[in-house]
Amino acid sequence: MVNFSDGFFNKIEKKTRVDKKTILDLAKKLQENDLKNEGTLREVIKELSNMTGKTVSKEKEDKIVNAVINDNVPKDIDKMF
């Protein structure tokens, strides 16, 4: 697993109000499951939506799933936040 700095987690927590432990627990779940599995991805998207209190439309969920399955996800995750 990639080793992220506390600064990275602080940025995420400030923006999403999701703490480091929750993020690490989710990362572990992702590592233990197949990220190319559509059902797993949709479950994770819903979980993230609930954690952050942000609604994800069906259209946006479909775009996220397609991006992950087709390897169209940015490699520099830190720039996403």
C-alpha atoms as a PDB file:
ATOM      1  CA  MET A   1       0.000   0.000   0.000  1.00  0.00           C
ATOM      2  CA  VAL A   2       1.143   3.514  -0.759  1.00  0.00           C
ATOM      3  CA  ASN A   3       2.412   5.414   2.274  1.00  0.00           C
ATOM      4  CA  PHE A   4       0.577   8.763   2.439  1.00  0.00           C
ATOM      5  CA  SER A   5       1.651  11.589   4.729  1.00  0.00           C
ATOM      6  CA  ASP A   6      -0.474  12.930   7.559  1.00  0.00           C
ATOM      7  CA  GLY A   7      -0.775  16.125   5.499  1.00  0.00           C
ATOM      8  CA  PHE A   8      -2.547  14.139   2.801  1.00  0.00           C
ATOM      9  CA  PHE A   9      -5.012  12.718   5.323  1.00  0.00           C
ATOM     10  CA  ASN A  10      -5.510  16.155   6.868  1.00  0.00           C
ATOM     11  CA  LYS A  11      -6.455  17.564   3.439  1.00  0.00           C
ATOM     12  CA  ILE A  12      -8.991  14.809   2.918  1.00  0.00           C
ATOM     13  CA  GLU A  13     -10.430  15.122   6.425  1.00  0.00           C
ATOM     14  CA  LYS A  14     -10.762  18.893   6.093  1.00  0.00           C
ATOM     15  CA  LYS A  15     -12.543  18.585   2.766  1.00  0.00           C
ATOM     16  CA  THR A  16     -14.725  15.527   3.515  1.00  0.00           C
ATOM     17  CA  ARG A  17     -14.890  15.274   7.337  1.00  0.00           C
ATOM     18  CA  VAL A  18     -13.802  11.635   7.012  1.00  0.00           C
ATOM     19  CA  ASP A  19     -11.021  10.700   9.439  1.00  0.00           C
ATOM     20  CA  LYS A  20      -7.793   8.819   8.754  1.00  0.00           C
ATOM     21  CA  LYS A  21      -8.952   5.592  10.438  1.00  0.00           C
ATOM     22  CA  THR A  22     -12.101   5.453   8.310  1.00  0.00           C
ATOM     23  CA  ILE A  23     -10.038   6.048   5.173  1.00  0.00           C
ATOM     24  CA  LEU A  24      -7.551   3.329   6.120  1.00  0.00           C
ATOM     25  CA  ASP A  25     -10.377   0.894   6.927  1.00  0.00           C
ATOM     26  CA  LEU A  26     -11.905   1.571   3.523  1.00  0.00           C
ATOM     27  CA  ALA A  27      -8.505   1.164   1.835  1.00  0.00           C
ATOM     28  CA  LYS A  28      -8.109  -2.226   3.508  1.00  0.00           C
ATOM     29  CA  LYS A  29     -11.550  -3.243   2.265  1.00  0.00           C
ATOM     30  CA  LEU A  30     -10.572  -2.171  -1.235  1.00  0.00           C
ATOM     31  CA  GLN A  31      -7.337  -4.170  -1.085  1.00  0.00           C
ATOM     32  CA  GLU A  32      -9.208  -7.288  -0.034  1.00  0.00           C
ATOM     33  CA  ASN A  33     -11.743  -7.043  -2.871  1.00  0.00           C
ATOM     34  CA  ASP A  34     -11.643  -6.977  -6.649  1.00  0.00           C
ATOM     35  CA  LEU A  35     -11.710  -3.352  -7.812  1.00  0.00           C
ATOM     36  CA  LYS A  36     -12.758  -4.480 -11.275  1.00  0.00           C
ATOM     37  CA  ASN A  37     -15.930  -5.970  -9.824  1.00  0.00           C
ATOM     38  CA  GLU A  38     -18.832  -3.641 -10.576  1.00  0.00           C
ATOM     39  CA  GLY A  39     -20.801  -4.697  -7.487  1.00  0.00           C
ATOM     40  CA  THR A  40     -17.852  -3.987  -5.191  1.00  0.00           C
ATOM     41  CA  LEU A  41     -17.283  -0.592  -6.788  1.00  0.00           C
ATOM     42  CA  ARG A  42     -20.921   0.429  -6.433  1.00  0.00           C
ATOM     43  CA  GLU A  43     -20.897  -0.664  -2.782  1.00  0.00           C
ATOM     44  CA  VAL A  44     -17.771   1.418  -2.119  1.00  0.00           C
ATOM     45  CA  ILE A  45     -19.255   4.447  -3.897  1.00  0.00           C
ATOM     46  CA  LYS A  46     -22.388   4.218  -1.760  1.00  0.00           C
ATOM     47  CA  GLU A  47     -20.287   3.833   1.392  1.00  0.00           C
ATOM     48  CA  LEU A  48     -18.205   6.897   0.486  1.00  0.00           C
ATOM     49  CA  SER A  49     -21.361   8.835  -0.327  1.00  0.00           C
ATOM     50  CA  ASN A  50     -22.796   8.018   3.098  1.00  0.00           C
ATOM     51  CA  MET A  51     -19.511   8.882   4.863  1.00  0.00           C
ATOM     52  CA  THR A  52     -19.215  12.268   3.217  1.00  0.00           C
ATOM     53  CA  GLY A  53     -22.914  13.123   3.130  1.00  0.00           C
ATOM     54  CA  LYS A  54     -22.690  13.773  -0.605  1.00  0.00           C
ATOM     55  CA  THR A  55     -25.205  12.398  -3.062  1.00  0.00           C
ATOM     56  CA  VAL A  56     -23.879  10.553  -6.094  1.00  0.00           C
ATOM     57  CA  SER A  57     -26.294  10.444  -9.028  1.00  0.00           C
ATOM     58  CA  LYS A  58     -26.772   7.205 -10.953  1.00  0.00           C
ATOM     59  CA  GLU A  59     -25.083   8.866 -13.951  1.00  0.00           C
ATOM     60  CA  LYS A  60     -22.047   9.909 -11.910  1.00  0.00           C
ATOM     61  CA  GLU A  61     -21.856   6.471 -10.269  1.00  0.00           C
ATOM     62  CA  ASP A  62     -21.857   4.871 -13.735  1.00  0.00           C
ATOM     63  CA  LYS A  63     -19.045   7.197 -14.869  1.00  0.00           C
ATOM     64  CA  ILE A  64     -16.948   6.354 -11.796  1.00  0.00           C
ATOM     65  CA  VAL A  65     -17.474   2.607 -12.258  1.00  0.00           C
ATOM     66  CA  ASN A  66     -16.588   2.808 -15.958  1.00  0.00           C
ATOM     67  CA  ALA A  67     -13.478   4.894 -15.230  1.00  0.00           C
ATOM     68  CA  VAL A  68     -12.186   2.405 -12.656  1.00  0.00           C
ATOM     69  CA  ILE A  69     -12.985  -0.687 -14.713  1.00  0.00           C
ATOM     70  CA  ASN A  70     -11.343   0.839 -17.808  1.00  0.00           C
ATOM     71  CA  ASP A  71      -8.268   2.122 -15.885  1.00  0.00           C
ATOM     72  CA  ASN A  72      -9.090   5.790 -16.532  1.00  0.00           C
ATOM     73  CA  VAL A  73      -8.363   6.889 -12.956  1.00  0.00           C
ATOM     74  CA  PRO A  74      -5.713   9.607 -12.367  1.00  0.00           C
ATOM     75  CA  LYS A  75      -2.429   8.149 -11.126  1.00  0.00           C
ATOM     76  CA  ASP A  76      -1.708  11.124  -8.824  1.00  0.00           C
ATOM     77  CA  ILE A  77      -4.503  10.791  -6.263  1.00  0.00           C
ATOM     78  CA  ASP A  78      -3.137  13.663  -4.156  1.00  0.00           C
ATOM     79  CA  LYS A  79      -4.076  16.157  -6.905  1.00  0.00           C
ATOM     80  CA  MET A  80      -7.715  15.048  -6.709  1.00  0.00           C
ATOM     81  CA  PHE A  81      -8.075  16.722  -3.285  1.00  0.00           C
END
